[in-house]
Amino acid sequence: MIYRSKAPLRIGLAGGGTDVSPYCDLYGGAILNATLSLYAHATIEPLEDMTIVLQGVDRKEEQRFEGGAEWPALPIDGKLDLLKGVYNRIRKEYGWTGKGFRLSTFVDAPAGSGLGTSSTLVVAIIGVFAEMLRLPLGEYDMAHLAYDIERKDLQMAGGRQDQYAATFGGVNFMEFYRDDKVIVNPLRIKQQYLFELENNLLLYYTATSRESAKIIEVQSKNVVDKKEKSIEAMHQLKHQAQLMKEAILMGRIHAIGEILDFGFRQKQQMAEGITNPMIDELYEQAKKAGATGGKISGAGGGGFMTFYCPSISKYKVMEVLSKLGGHCQPYQFTGHGLTSWTV
């Protein structure tokens, strides 16, 4: 048998960064995000020998490990650590018996692109192990396990939204509190509103990646150091998430560009490195071409950007941005989260 899973990547529409500790522990965070028809994929093929084969197909990386009477914990050494981290936790909590396997993964967007690739991949890997081992894990269980593996086992800095978006799917308003408490509120949006948002929201890859952990560490330190400018910006971004939720639910799609623009200005105040001259130039050129607002995906510094383009302005915006070194990414919103199956 072959076991497979896939989990959708996401774009954050509002509130980005308020899901990161210690801000959400102290003040509570709120984010609105939506999952896309871009995925992290995972496949497990059982082997006849006592070998573990790990393959990051998109990264062109492979490692092999020999098992025996007892299956080993795999070394966290900077190579395929997400795959190893999930296996190590599954082995520790549920045990590992039987023969070897080949775990292969592929992500439809580059690492460091701001669409939650790392966390979504962890969710997909948990999903394929859960499919094979028939683990009794619900959506909140899987999302929290993914968060735990990344933030605690692998010591990777970051927030909480990506794991929950990948697991639940759809358009969600999420709330974040102390003690790892997360509440996912799926939004019931009229299809015509969603179509209009999808039509007008342009996804653009800047052709640069960034290491989100460094930016997030600065952001977290600003809260610890009680830097009022940074904390107030996060308060305003949390308010932005509420404004975005109301606009989408009530069909005031025309207001979304202004809400995004408000958030872009606030996010610049959160931490150094979120924007840079390249991003600022892209943003200004898109607005000159007709976009009314936009945002940096993820922690910032590079990766994907989104722009709201009313009426038919997206075609002009696409023309302008295509000359600036990146490319526009086709997508659709997707209403489903983590999916796994056996063949």
C-alpha atoms as a PDB file:
ATOM      1  CA  MET A   1       0.000   0.000   0.000  1.00  0.00           C
ATOM      2  CA  ILE A   2       0.959   3.644  -0.490  1.00  0.00           C
ATOM      3  CA  TYR A   3      -0.163   6.379   1.891  1.00  0.00           C
ATOM      4  CA  ARG A   4      -0.581   9.992   0.787  1.00  0.00           C
ATOM      5  CA  SER A   5      -1.598  13.353   2.165  1.00  0.00           C
ATOM      6  CA  LYS A   6      -1.725  16.973   1.110  1.00  0.00           C
ATOM      7  CA  ALA A   7      -2.311  20.198   3.036  1.00  0.00           C
ATOM      8  CA  PRO A   8      -2.998  23.646   1.537  1.00  0.00           C
ATOM      9  CA  LEU A   9      -0.748  26.676   1.826  1.00  0.00           C
ATOM     10  CA  ARG A  10      -2.324  29.932   2.957  1.00  0.00           C
ATOM     11  CA  ILE A  11      -2.297  33.657   2.526  1.00  0.00           C
ATOM     12  CA  GLY A  12      -2.782  35.858   5.543  1.00  0.00           C
ATOM     13  CA  LEU A  13      -5.220  38.673   4.854  1.00  0.00           C
ATOM     14  CA  ALA A  14      -5.075  40.535   8.158  1.00  0.00           C
ATOM     15  CA  GLY A  15      -3.611  40.410  11.640  1.00  0.00           C
ATOM     16  CA  GLY A  16      -0.295  38.852  10.641  1.00  0.00           C
ATOM     17  CA  GLY A  17       2.209  38.613  13.482  1.00  0.00           C
ATOM     18  CA  THR A  18      -0.315  38.766  16.327  1.00  0.00           C
ATOM     19  CA  ASP A  19      -0.193  34.955  16.571  1.00  0.00           C
ATOM     20  CA  VAL A  20       3.431  35.070  17.743  1.00  0.00           C
ATOM     21  CA  SER A  21       4.460  34.797  21.400  1.00  0.00           C
ATOM     22  CA  PRO A  22       4.780  36.701  23.605  1.00  0.00           C
ATOM     23  CA  TYR A  23       2.312  39.153  22.025  1.00  0.00           C
ATOM     24  CA  CYS A  24      -0.631  36.730  21.833  1.00  0.00           C
ATOM     25  CA  ASP A  25       0.086  35.437  25.357  1.00  0.00           C
ATOM     26  CA  LEU A  26      -0.079  38.944  26.793  1.00  0.00           C
ATOM     27  CA  TYR A  27      -2.747  40.633  24.673  1.00  0.00           C
ATOM     28  CA  GLY A  28      -4.462  37.941  22.575  1.00  0.00           C
ATOM     29  CA  GLY A  29      -4.026  37.762  18.814  1.00  0.00           C
ATOM     30  CA  ALA A  30      -6.379  37.615  15.823  1.00  0.00           C
ATOM     31  CA  ILE A  31      -5.737  36.682  12.208  1.00  0.00           C
ATOM     32  CA  LEU A  32      -7.845  36.218   9.089  1.00  0.00           C
ATOM     33  CA  ASN A  33      -6.401  33.870   6.485  1.00  0.00           C
ATOM     34  CA  ALA A  34      -7.463  31.761   3.500  1.00  0.00           C
ATOM     35  CA  THR A  35      -6.049  28.555   2.042  1.00  0.00           C
ATOM     36  CA  LEU A  36      -5.001  28.247  -1.594  1.00  0.00           C
ATOM     37  CA  SER A  37      -4.817  25.601  -4.303  1.00  0.00           C
ATOM     38  CA  LEU A  38      -1.082  25.235  -3.607  1.00  0.00           C
ATOM     39  CA  TYR A  39      -0.119  22.304  -1.407  1.00  0.00           C
ATOM     40  CA  ALA A  40       2.476  20.473   0.627  1.00  0.00           C
ATOM     41  CA  HIS A  41       2.428  16.779  -0.352  1.00  0.00           C
ATOM     42  CA  ALA A  42       3.653  13.724   1.573  1.00  0.00           C
ATOM     43  CA  THR A  43       3.847  10.056   0.568  1.00  0.00           C
ATOM     44  CA  ILE A  44       4.902   7.010   2.589  1.00  0.00           C
ATOM     45  CA  GLU A  45       5.808   3.756   0.819  1.00  0.00           C
ATOM     46  CA  PRO A  46       6.530   0.782   3.129  1.00  0.00           C
ATOM     47  CA  LEU A  47       9.792  -1.013   2.319  1.00  0.00           C
ATOM     48  CA  GLU A  48      10.712  -4.665   2.656  1.00  0.00           C
ATOM     49  CA  ASP A  49      13.998  -3.973   4.442  1.00  0.00           C
ATOM     50  CA  MET A  50      14.893  -2.145   7.656  1.00  0.00           C
ATOM     51  CA  THR A  51      15.716   1.182   6.019  1.00  0.00           C
ATOM     52  CA  ILE A  52      14.273   4.658   6.451  1.00  0.00           C
ATOM     53  CA  VAL A  53      14.562   6.777   3.302  1.00  0.00           C
ATOM     54  CA  LEU A  54      13.717  10.484   3.512  1.00  0.00           C
ATOM     55  CA  GLN A  55      13.288  12.469   0.297  1.00  0.00           C
ATOM     56  CA  GLY A  56      12.652  16.172  -0.129  1.00  0.00           C
ATOM     57  CA  VAL A  57      11.837  15.860  -3.823  1.00  0.00           C
ATOM     58  CA  ASP A  58      11.513  19.584  -4.506  1.00  0.00           C
ATOM     59  CA  ARG A  59      14.741  20.266  -2.603  1.00  0.00           C
ATOM     60  CA  LYS A  60      16.585  17.388  -4.316  1.00  0.00           C
ATOM     61  CA  GLU A  61      17.669  16.025  -0.929  1.00  0.00           C
ATOM     62  CA  GLU A  62      17.740  12.426   0.284  1.00  0.00           C
ATOM     63  CA  GLN A  63      18.976  10.664   3.398  1.00  0.00           C
ATOM     64  CA  ARG A  64      18.987   6.990   4.437  1.00  0.00           C
ATOM     65  CA  PHE A  65      19.069   5.452   7.902  1.00  0.00           C
ATOM     66  CA  GLU A  66      19.320   1.817   8.984  1.00  0.00           C
ATOM     67  CA  GLY A  67      16.927   0.395  11.513  1.00  0.00           C
ATOM     68  CA  GLY A  68      17.105  -2.788  13.531  1.00  0.00           C
ATOM     69  CA  ALA A  69      15.620  -4.331  16.642  1.00  0.00           C
ATOM     70  CA  GLU A  70      14.977  -0.775  17.818  1.00  0.00           C
ATOM     71  CA  TRP A  71      14.284   2.086  15.439  1.00  0.00           C
ATOM     72  CA  PRO A  72      16.554   5.067  16.121  1.00  0.00           C
ATOM     73  CA  ALA A  73      15.673   8.699  16.690  1.00  0.00           C
ATOM     74  CA  LEU A  74      16.985  10.581  13.667  1.00  0.00           C
ATOM     75  CA  PRO A  75      19.599  13.349  14.047  1.00  0.00           C
ATOM     76  CA  ILE A  76      18.434  16.961  13.767  1.00  0.00           C
ATOM     77  CA  ASP A  77      21.317  18.395  11.776  1.00  0.00           C
ATOM     78  CA  GLY A  78      19.876  20.893   9.296  1.00  0.00           C
ATOM     79  CA  LYS A  79      19.038  18.317   6.616  1.00  0.00           C
ATOM     80  CA  LEU A  80      15.370  17.382   6.127  1.00  0.00           C
ATOM     81  CA  ASP A  81      14.756  18.291   9.778  1.00  0.00           C
ATOM     82  CA  LEU A  82      10.996  18.731   9.344  1.00  0.00           C
ATOM     83  CA  LEU A  83      10.674  15.135   8.141  1.00  0.00           C
ATOM     84  CA  LYS A  84      12.902  13.866  10.931  1.00  0.00           C
ATOM     85  CA  GLY A  85      11.140  15.939  13.566  1.00  0.00           C
ATOM     86  CA  VAL A  86       7.730  14.455  12.768  1.00  0.00           C
ATOM     87  CA  TYR A  87       9.094  10.894  12.614  1.00  0.00           C
ATOM     88  CA  ASN A  88      10.901  11.359  15.942  1.00  0.00           C
ATOM     89  CA  ARG A  89       7.758  12.605  17.682  1.00  0.00           C
ATOM     90  CA  ILE A  90       5.554   9.862  16.183  1.00  0.00           C
ATOM     91  CA  ARG A  91       8.130   7.256  17.224  1.00  0.00           C
ATOM     92  CA  LYS A  92       8.310   8.686  20.750  1.00  0.00           C
ATOM     93  CA  GLU A  93       4.564   8.981  21.352  1.00  0.00           C
ATOM     94  CA  TYR A  94       3.167   6.041  19.400  1.00  0.00           C
ATOM     95  CA  GLY A  95       6.110   3.685  19.019  1.00  0.00           C
ATOM     96  CA  TRP A  96       7.452   2.313  15.764  1.00  0.00           C
ATOM     97  CA  THR A  97       7.339  -1.353  14.780  1.00  0.00           C
ATOM     98  CA  GLY A  98       7.604  -3.193  11.514  1.00  0.00           C
ATOM     99  CA  LYS A  99       9.889  -2.578   8.594  1.00  0.00           C
ATOM    100  CA  GLY A 100      11.276   0.480   6.890  1.00  0.00           C
ATOM    101  CA  PHE A 101       9.613   3.104   4.747  1.00  0.00           C
ATOM    102  CA  ARG A 102      10.284   5.839   2.227  1.00  0.00           C
ATOM    103  CA  LEU A 103       8.866   9.259   3.133  1.00  0.00           C
ATOM    104  CA  SER A 104       8.785  11.646   0.170  1.00  0.00           C
ATOM    105  CA  THR A 105       7.639  15.262   0.266  1.00  0.00           C
ATOM    106  CA  PHE A 106       7.043  18.050  -2.222  1.00  0.00           C
ATOM    107  CA  VAL A 107       5.838  21.639  -1.728  1.00  0.00           C
ATOM    108  CA  ASP A 108       4.233  23.700  -4.502  1.00  0.00           C
ATOM    109  CA  ALA A 109       5.980  26.921  -3.377  1.00  0.00           C
ATOM    110  CA  PRO A 110       9.581  27.669  -2.409  1.00  0.00           C
ATOM    111  CA  ALA A 111      10.722  27.594   1.208  1.00  0.00           C
ATOM    112  CA  GLY A 112      10.781  31.071   2.752  1.00  0.00           C
ATOM    113  CA  SER A 113       8.023  32.296   0.443  1.00  0.00           C
ATOM    114  CA  GLY A 114       5.667  33.495   3.183  1.00  0.00           C
ATOM    115  CA  LEU A 115       2.820  31.076   2.476  1.00  0.00           C
ATOM    116  CA  GLY A 116       3.429  28.904   5.539  1.00  0.00           C
ATOM    117  CA  THR A 117       5.387  26.241   3.657  1.00  0.00           C
ATOM    118  CA  SER A 118       7.293  24.760   6.610  1.00  0.00           C
ATOM    119  CA  SER A 119       4.306  24.434   8.933  1.00  0.00           C
ATOM    120  CA  THR A 120       2.072  23.158   6.141  1.00  0.00           C
ATOM    121  CA  LEU A 121       4.646  20.508   5.281  1.00  0.00           C
ATOM    122  CA  VAL A 122       4.768  19.399   8.928  1.00  0.00           C
ATOM    123  CA  VAL A 123       0.956  19.092   8.908  1.00  0.00           C
ATOM    124  CA  ALA A 124       1.061  17.020   5.698  1.00  0.00           C
ATOM    125  CA  ILE A 125       3.698  14.683   7.164  1.00  0.00           C
ATOM    126  CA  ILE A 126       1.701  14.216  10.363  1.00  0.00           C
ATOM    127  CA  GLY A 127      -1.325  13.510   8.169  1.00  0.00           C
ATOM    128  CA  VAL A 128       0.384  10.763   6.186  1.00  0.00           C
ATOM    129  CA  PHE A 129       1.708   9.078   9.354  1.00  0.00           C
ATOM    130  CA  ALA A 130      -1.770   9.332  10.897  1.00  0.00           C
ATOM    131  CA  GLU A 131      -3.224   7.725   7.760  1.00  0.00           C
ATOM    132  CA  MET A 132      -0.768   4.842   7.844  1.00  0.00           C
ATOM    133  CA  LEU A 133      -0.917   4.216  11.598  1.00  0.00           C
ATOM    134  CA  ARG A 134      -4.632   5.044  11.962  1.00  0.00           C
ATOM    135  CA  LEU A 135      -3.897   7.571  14.690  1.00  0.00           C
ATOM    136  CA  PRO A 136      -6.979   9.038  16.441  1.00  0.00           C
ATOM    137  CA  LEU A 137      -6.095  12.699  15.868  1.00  0.00           C
ATOM    138  CA  GLY A 138      -8.660  15.433  15.293  1.00  0.00           C
ATOM    139  CA  GLU A 139      -8.021  18.754  13.553  1.00  0.00           C
ATOM    140  CA  TYR A 140      -7.030  20.662  16.674  1.00  0.00           C
ATOM    141  CA  ASP A 141      -4.841  17.719  17.764  1.00  0.00           C
ATOM    142  CA  MET A 142      -2.922  17.675  14.480  1.00  0.00           C
ATOM    143  CA  ALA A 143      -2.460  21.435  14.343  1.00  0.00           C
ATOM    144  CA  HIS A 144      -1.237  21.609  17.929  1.00  0.00           C
ATOM    145  CA  LEU A 145       1.098  18.652  17.380  1.00  0.00           C
ATOM    146  CA  ALA A 146       2.570  20.372  14.321  1.00  0.00           C
ATOM    147  CA  TYR A 147       3.098  23.557  16.352  1.00  0.00           C
ATOM    148  CA  ASP A 148       4.708  21.592  19.165  1.00  0.00           C
ATOM    149  CA  ILE A 149       7.121  19.803  16.835  1.00  0.00           C
ATOM    150  CA  GLU A 150       8.243  23.007  15.117  1.00  0.00           C
ATOM    151  CA  ARG A 151       8.450  25.357  18.053  1.00  0.00           C
ATOM    152  CA  LYS A 152       9.546  23.005  20.851  1.00  0.00           C
ATOM    153  CA  ASP A 153      11.192  19.922  19.332  1.00  0.00           C
ATOM    154  CA  LEU A 154      12.935  21.744  16.474  1.00  0.00           C
ATOM    155  CA  GLN A 155      13.230  25.141  18.194  1.00  0.00           C
ATOM    156  CA  MET A 156      12.015  27.025  15.112  1.00  0.00           C
ATOM    157  CA  ALA A 157      10.699  30.529  15.795  1.00  0.00           C
ATOM    158  CA  GLY A 158       7.278  31.366  14.406  1.00  0.00           C
ATOM    159  CA  GLY A 159       3.589  31.825  15.018  1.00  0.00           C
ATOM    160  CA  ARG A 160       0.549  29.589  15.269  1.00  0.00           C
ATOM    161  CA  GLN A 161      -1.672  30.390  12.292  1.00  0.00           C
ATOM    162  CA  ASP A 162      -0.022  28.227   9.626  1.00  0.00           C
ATOM    163  CA  GLN A 163      -0.581  24.880  11.312  1.00  0.00           C
ATOM    164  CA  TYR A 164      -4.264  25.593  11.904  1.00  0.00           C
ATOM    165  CA  ALA A 165      -4.869  26.987   8.415  1.00  0.00           C
ATOM    166  CA  ALA A 166      -3.295  23.898   6.825  1.00  0.00           C
ATOM    167  CA  THR A 167      -5.306  21.522   8.998  1.00  0.00           C
ATOM    168  CA  PHE A 168      -8.724  23.219   8.814  1.00  0.00           C
ATOM    169  CA  GLY A 169      -8.615  24.861   5.367  1.00  0.00           C
ATOM    170  CA  GLY A 170     -10.970  27.532   4.059  1.00  0.00           C
ATOM    171  CA  VAL A 171     -11.322  31.158   5.153  1.00  0.00           C
ATOM    172  CA  ASN A 172     -10.928  31.417   8.918  1.00  0.00           C
ATOM    173  CA  PHE A 173     -10.874  34.078  11.607  1.00  0.00           C
ATOM    174  CA  MET A 174      -8.488  32.731  14.240  1.00  0.00           C
ATOM    175  CA  GLU A 175      -7.993  33.836  17.835  1.00  0.00           C
ATOM    176  CA  PHE A 176      -4.826  33.164  19.828  1.00  0.00           C
ATOM    177  CA  TYR A 177      -4.388  33.259  23.603  1.00  0.00           C
ATOM    178  CA  ARG A 178      -1.956  32.261  26.332  1.00  0.00           C
ATOM    179  CA  ASP A 179      -1.249  28.569  27.083  1.00  0.00           C
ATOM    180  CA  ASP A 180      -1.374  27.695  23.362  1.00  0.00           C
ATOM    181  CA  LYS A 181      -5.139  28.240  23.220  1.00  0.00           C
ATOM    182  CA  VAL A 182      -6.389  28.685  19.649  1.00  0.00           C
ATOM    183  CA  ILE A 183      -9.964  29.132  18.419  1.00  0.00           C
ATOM    184  CA  VAL A 184     -10.671  28.648  14.708  1.00  0.00           C
ATOM    185  CA  ASN A 185     -13.827  30.370  13.433  1.00  0.00           C
ATOM    186  CA  PRO A 186     -14.692  29.274   9.863  1.00  0.00           C
ATOM    187  CA  LEU A 187     -16.372  32.123   7.970  1.00  0.00           C
ATOM    188  CA  ARG A 188     -19.533  31.503   5.953  1.00  0.00           C
ATOM    189  CA  ILE A 189     -18.899  33.805   3.006  1.00  0.00           C
ATOM    190  CA  LYS A 190     -21.280  34.181   0.082  1.00  0.00           C
ATOM    191  CA  GLN A 191     -19.785  32.566  -2.980  1.00  0.00           C
ATOM    192  CA  GLN A 192     -20.078  35.731  -5.052  1.00  0.00           C
ATOM    193  CA  TYR A 193     -18.038  37.653  -2.462  1.00  0.00           C
ATOM    194  CA  LEU A 194     -15.362  34.957  -2.485  1.00  0.00           C
ATOM    195  CA  PHE A 195     -15.254  34.929  -6.295  1.00  0.00           C
ATOM    196  CA  GLU A 196     -14.831  38.709  -6.357  1.00  0.00           C
ATOM    197  CA  LEU A 197     -12.057  38.584  -3.769  1.00  0.00           C
ATOM    198  CA  GLU A 198     -10.299  35.821  -5.683  1.00  0.00           C
ATOM    199  CA  ASN A 199     -10.656  37.763  -8.933  1.00  0.00           C
ATOM    200  CA  ASN A 200      -9.211  40.975  -7.500  1.00  0.00           C
ATOM    201  CA  LEU A 201      -6.489  39.625  -5.223  1.00  0.00           C
ATOM    202  CA  LEU A 202      -3.204  39.233  -7.075  1.00  0.00           C
ATOM    203  CA  LEU A 203      -0.522  36.882  -5.729  1.00  0.00           C
ATOM    204  CA  TYR A 204       3.003  37.930  -6.726  1.00  0.00           C
ATOM    205  CA  TYR A 205       6.288  36.120  -6.039  1.00  0.00           C
ATOM    206  CA  THR A 206       9.184  38.505  -5.576  1.00  0.00           C
ATOM    207  CA  ALA A 207      11.708  35.802  -6.617  1.00  0.00           C
ATOM    208  CA  THR A 208      13.463  36.224  -3.269  1.00  0.00           C
ATOM    209  CA  SER A 209      13.161  34.114  -0.146  1.00  0.00           C
ATOM    210  CA  ARG A 210      13.888  35.071   3.444  1.00  0.00           C
ATOM    211  CA  GLU A 211      14.526  33.412   6.773  1.00  0.00           C
ATOM    212  CA  SER A 212      11.377  34.224   8.727  1.00  0.00           C
ATOM    213  CA  ALA A 213      12.829  33.095  12.064  1.00  0.00           C
ATOM    214  CA  LYS A 214      15.206  36.060  12.301  1.00  0.00           C
ATOM    215  CA  ILE A 215      12.463  38.603  11.624  1.00  0.00           C
ATOM    216  CA  ILE A 216      10.134  36.897  14.100  1.00  0.00           C
ATOM    217  CA  GLU A 217      12.842  36.867  16.780  1.00  0.00           C
ATOM    218  CA  VAL A 218      13.212  40.654  16.424  1.00  0.00           C
ATOM    219  CA  GLN A 219       9.444  41.076  16.578  1.00  0.00           C
ATOM    220  CA  SER A 220       9.214  38.974  19.754  1.00  0.00           C
ATOM    221  CA  LYS A 221      12.088  40.860  21.363  1.00  0.00           C
ATOM    222  CA  ASN A 222      10.328  44.160  20.695  1.00  0.00           C
ATOM    223  CA  VAL A 223       7.383  42.924  22.772  1.00  0.00           C
ATOM    224  CA  VAL A 224       9.644  41.649  25.554  1.00  0.00           C
ATOM    225  CA  ASP A 225      11.447  44.999  25.582  1.00  0.00           C
ATOM    226  CA  LYS A 226       8.068  46.779  25.699  1.00  0.00           C
ATOM    227  CA  LYS A 227       8.739  48.895  22.629  1.00  0.00           C
ATOM    228  CA  GLU A 228       5.526  50.893  22.409  1.00  0.00           C
ATOM    229  CA  LYS A 229       5.752  51.581  18.669  1.00  0.00           C
ATOM    230  CA  SER A 230       5.951  47.866  17.835  1.00  0.00           C
ATOM    231  CA  ILE A 231       3.276  46.797  20.317  1.00  0.00           C
ATOM    232  CA  GLU A 232       0.848  49.493  19.147  1.00  0.00           C
ATOM    233  CA  ALA A 233       1.363  48.342  15.554  1.00  0.00           C
ATOM    234  CA  MET A 234       0.378  44.815  16.609  1.00  0.00           C
ATOM    235  CA  HIS A 235      -2.713  46.166  18.367  1.00  0.00           C
ATOM    236  CA  GLN A 236      -3.676  47.900  15.121  1.00  0.00           C
ATOM    237  CA  LEU A 237      -3.079  44.714  13.091  1.00  0.00           C
ATOM    238  CA  LYS A 238      -5.375  42.805  15.435  1.00  0.00           C
ATOM    239  CA  HIS A 239      -7.989  45.500  14.814  1.00  0.00           C
ATOM    240  CA  GLN A 240      -7.328  45.111  11.073  1.00  0.00           C
ATOM    241  CA  ALA A 241      -8.313  41.425  11.299  1.00  0.00           C
ATOM    242  CA  GLN A 242     -11.697  42.441  12.724  1.00  0.00           C
ATOM    243  CA  LEU A 243     -12.186  45.041   9.974  1.00  0.00           C
ATOM    244  CA  MET A 244     -11.303  42.466   7.316  1.00  0.00           C
ATOM    245  CA  LYS A 245     -13.722  39.899   8.741  1.00  0.00           C
ATOM    246  CA  GLU A 246     -16.596  42.381   8.695  1.00  0.00           C
ATOM    247  CA  ALA A 247     -15.807  43.569   5.158  1.00  0.00           C
ATOM    248  CA  ILE A 248     -15.708  40.056   3.694  1.00  0.00           C
ATOM    249  CA  LEU A 249     -18.789  38.788   5.514  1.00  0.00           C
ATOM    250  CA  MET A 250     -20.835  41.873   4.604  1.00  0.00           C
ATOM    251  CA  GLY A 251     -19.692  41.932   0.980  1.00  0.00           C
ATOM    252  CA  ARG A 252     -17.842  45.262   1.221  1.00  0.00           C
ATOM    253  CA  ILE A 253     -15.135  43.818  -0.996  1.00  0.00           C
ATOM    254  CA  HIS A 254     -14.269  47.272  -2.385  1.00  0.00           C
ATOM    255  CA  ALA A 255     -12.960  48.244   1.076  1.00  0.00           C
ATOM    256  CA  ILE A 256     -10.422  45.423   1.270  1.00  0.00           C
ATOM    257  CA  GLY A 257      -7.667  47.317  -0.547  1.00  0.00           C
ATOM    258  CA  GLU A 258      -7.786  50.143   2.001  1.00  0.00           C
ATOM    259  CA  ILE A 259      -7.796  47.657   4.880  1.00  0.00           C
ATOM    260  CA  LEU A 260      -4.749  45.924   3.407  1.00  0.00           C
ATOM    261  CA  ASP A 261      -2.988  49.263   2.939  1.00  0.00           C
ATOM    262  CA  PHE A 262      -3.662  50.151   6.568  1.00  0.00           C
ATOM    263  CA  GLY A 263      -2.110  46.831   7.619  1.00  0.00           C
ATOM    264  CA  PHE A 264       0.931  47.313   5.373  1.00  0.00           C
ATOM    265  CA  ARG A 265       1.732  50.603   7.059  1.00  0.00           C
ATOM    266  CA  GLN A 266       1.303  49.102  10.521  1.00  0.00           C
ATOM    267  CA  LYS A 267       3.399  46.029   9.785  1.00  0.00           C
ATOM    268  CA  GLN A 268       6.332  48.223   8.807  1.00  0.00           C
ATOM    269  CA  GLN A 269       6.419  49.390  12.431  1.00  0.00           C
ATOM    270  CA  MET A 270       6.598  45.903  13.978  1.00  0.00           C
ATOM    271  CA  ALA A 271      10.237  45.020  13.354  1.00  0.00           C
ATOM    272  CA  GLU A 272      13.198  45.829  11.155  1.00  0.00           C
ATOM    273  CA  GLY A 273      13.512  43.647   8.060  1.00  0.00           C
ATOM    274  CA  ILE A 274       9.783  43.245   7.384  1.00  0.00           C
ATOM    275  CA  THR A 275      10.089  45.632   4.463  1.00  0.00           C
ATOM    276  CA  ASN A 276      13.099  46.747   2.467  1.00  0.00           C
ATOM    277  CA  PRO A 277      13.704  49.043  -0.536  1.00  0.00           C
ATOM    278  CA  MET A 278      12.769  46.280  -3.003  1.00  0.00           C
ATOM    279  CA  ILE A 279       9.438  45.565  -1.286  1.00  0.00           C
ATOM    280  CA  ASP A 280       8.645  49.269  -0.888  1.00  0.00           C
ATOM    281  CA  GLU A 281       9.317  49.826  -4.602  1.00  0.00           C
ATOM    282  CA  LEU A 282       7.111  46.904  -5.627  1.00  0.00           C
ATOM    283  CA  TYR A 283       4.337  48.202  -3.397  1.00  0.00           C
ATOM    284  CA  GLU A 284       4.475  51.729  -4.773  1.00  0.00           C
ATOM    285  CA  GLN A 285       4.618  50.542  -8.394  1.00  0.00           C
ATOM    286  CA  ALA A 286       1.593  48.287  -7.849  1.00  0.00           C
ATOM    287  CA  LYS A 287      -0.380  51.166  -6.339  1.00  0.00           C
ATOM    288  CA  LYS A 288       0.536  53.471  -9.204  1.00  0.00           C
ATOM    289  CA  ALA A 289      -0.764  50.815 -11.606  1.00  0.00           C
ATOM    290  CA  GLY A 290      -4.141  50.650  -9.852  1.00  0.00           C
ATOM    291  CA  ALA A 291      -3.848  48.462  -6.740  1.00  0.00           C
ATOM    292  CA  THR A 292      -5.507  50.034  -3.700  1.00  0.00           C
ATOM    293  CA  GLY A 293      -3.545  48.063  -1.121  1.00  0.00           C
ATOM    294  CA  GLY A 294      -1.495  44.972  -0.457  1.00  0.00           C
ATOM    295  CA  LYS A 295       0.598  43.075   2.029  1.00  0.00           C
ATOM    296  CA  ILE A 296       3.730  41.039   2.497  1.00  0.00           C
ATOM    297  CA  SER A 297       3.008  37.356   3.054  1.00  0.00           C
ATOM    298  CA  GLY A 298       4.320  35.770   6.212  1.00  0.00           C
ATOM    299  CA  ALA A 299       7.004  37.425   8.312  1.00  0.00           C
ATOM    300  CA  GLY A 300       8.106  39.720   5.503  1.00  0.00           C
ATOM    301  CA  GLY A 301      11.469  40.440   3.946  1.00  0.00           C
ATOM    302  CA  GLY A 302      10.687  38.707   0.647  1.00  0.00           C
ATOM    303  CA  GLY A 303       8.657  35.805  -0.697  1.00  0.00           C
ATOM    304  CA  PHE A 304       5.101  36.426  -1.885  1.00  0.00           C
ATOM    305  CA  MET A 305       3.134  39.663  -1.794  1.00  0.00           C
ATOM    306  CA  THR A 306      -0.591  40.127  -2.385  1.00  0.00           C
ATOM    307  CA  PHE A 307      -2.241  43.152  -3.973  1.00  0.00           C
ATOM    308  CA  TYR A 308      -5.907  44.109  -4.117  1.00  0.00           C
ATOM    309  CA  CYS A 309      -6.759  45.295  -7.635  1.00  0.00           C
ATOM    310  CA  PRO A 310     -10.323  46.628  -8.083  1.00  0.00           C
ATOM    311  CA  SER A 311     -12.285  46.559 -11.333  1.00  0.00           C
ATOM    312  CA  ILE A 312      -9.941  45.342 -14.095  1.00  0.00           C
ATOM    313  CA  SER A 313      -6.810  47.011 -12.741  1.00  0.00           C
ATOM    314  CA  LYS A 314      -5.107  43.688 -12.040  1.00  0.00           C
ATOM    315  CA  TYR A 315      -4.105  43.351 -15.689  1.00  0.00           C
ATOM    316  CA  LYS A 316      -2.174  46.619 -15.567  1.00  0.00           C
ATOM    317  CA  VAL A 317      -0.682  45.682 -12.192  1.00  0.00           C
ATOM    318  CA  MET A 318       0.377  42.299 -13.575  1.00  0.00           C
ATOM    319  CA  GLU A 319       2.028  43.998 -16.548  1.00  0.00           C
ATOM    320  CA  VAL A 320       3.991  46.368 -14.320  1.00  0.00           C
ATOM    321  CA  LEU A 321       5.051  43.754 -11.765  1.00  0.00           C
ATOM    322  CA  SER A 322       6.140  41.252 -14.416  1.00  0.00           C
ATOM    323  CA  LYS A 323       8.889  43.702 -15.402  1.00  0.00           C
ATOM    324  CA  LEU A 324      10.291  43.860 -11.857  1.00  0.00           C
ATOM    325  CA  GLY A 325      11.882  40.421 -11.627  1.00  0.00           C
ATOM    326  CA  GLY A 326       9.149  38.263 -10.109  1.00  0.00           C
ATOM    327  CA  HIS A 327       6.033  36.547 -11.431  1.00  0.00           C
ATOM    328  CA  CYS A 328       2.305  36.402 -10.721  1.00  0.00           C
ATOM    329  CA  GLN A 329       1.104  33.087  -9.288  1.00  0.00           C
ATOM    330  CA  PRO A 330      -2.248  31.622 -10.415  1.00  0.00           C
ATOM    331  CA  TYR A 331      -4.340  30.209  -7.558  1.00  0.00           C
ATOM    332  CA  GLN A 332      -7.850  29.540  -6.322  1.00  0.00           C
ATOM    333  CA  PHE A 333      -9.197  29.570  -2.788  1.00  0.00           C
ATOM    334  CA  THR A 334      -9.780  26.104  -1.434  1.00  0.00           C
ATOM    335  CA  GLY A 335     -12.318  25.139   1.198  1.00  0.00           C
ATOM    336  CA  HIS A 336     -10.660  21.954   2.460  1.00  0.00           C
ATOM    337  CA  GLY A 337      -7.685  21.457   4.721  1.00  0.00           C
ATOM    338  CA  LEU A 338      -5.477  18.426   5.341  1.00  0.00           C
ATOM    339  CA  THR A 339      -6.550  15.394   3.316  1.00  0.00           C
ATOM    340  CA  SER A 340      -5.059  11.907   3.462  1.00  0.00           C
ATOM    341  CA  TRP A 341      -5.792   8.646   1.663  1.00  0.00           C
ATOM    342  CA  THR A 342      -4.488   5.129   0.943  1.00  0.00           C
ATOM    343  CA  VAL A 343      -3.912   3.533  -2.482  1.00  0.00           C
END
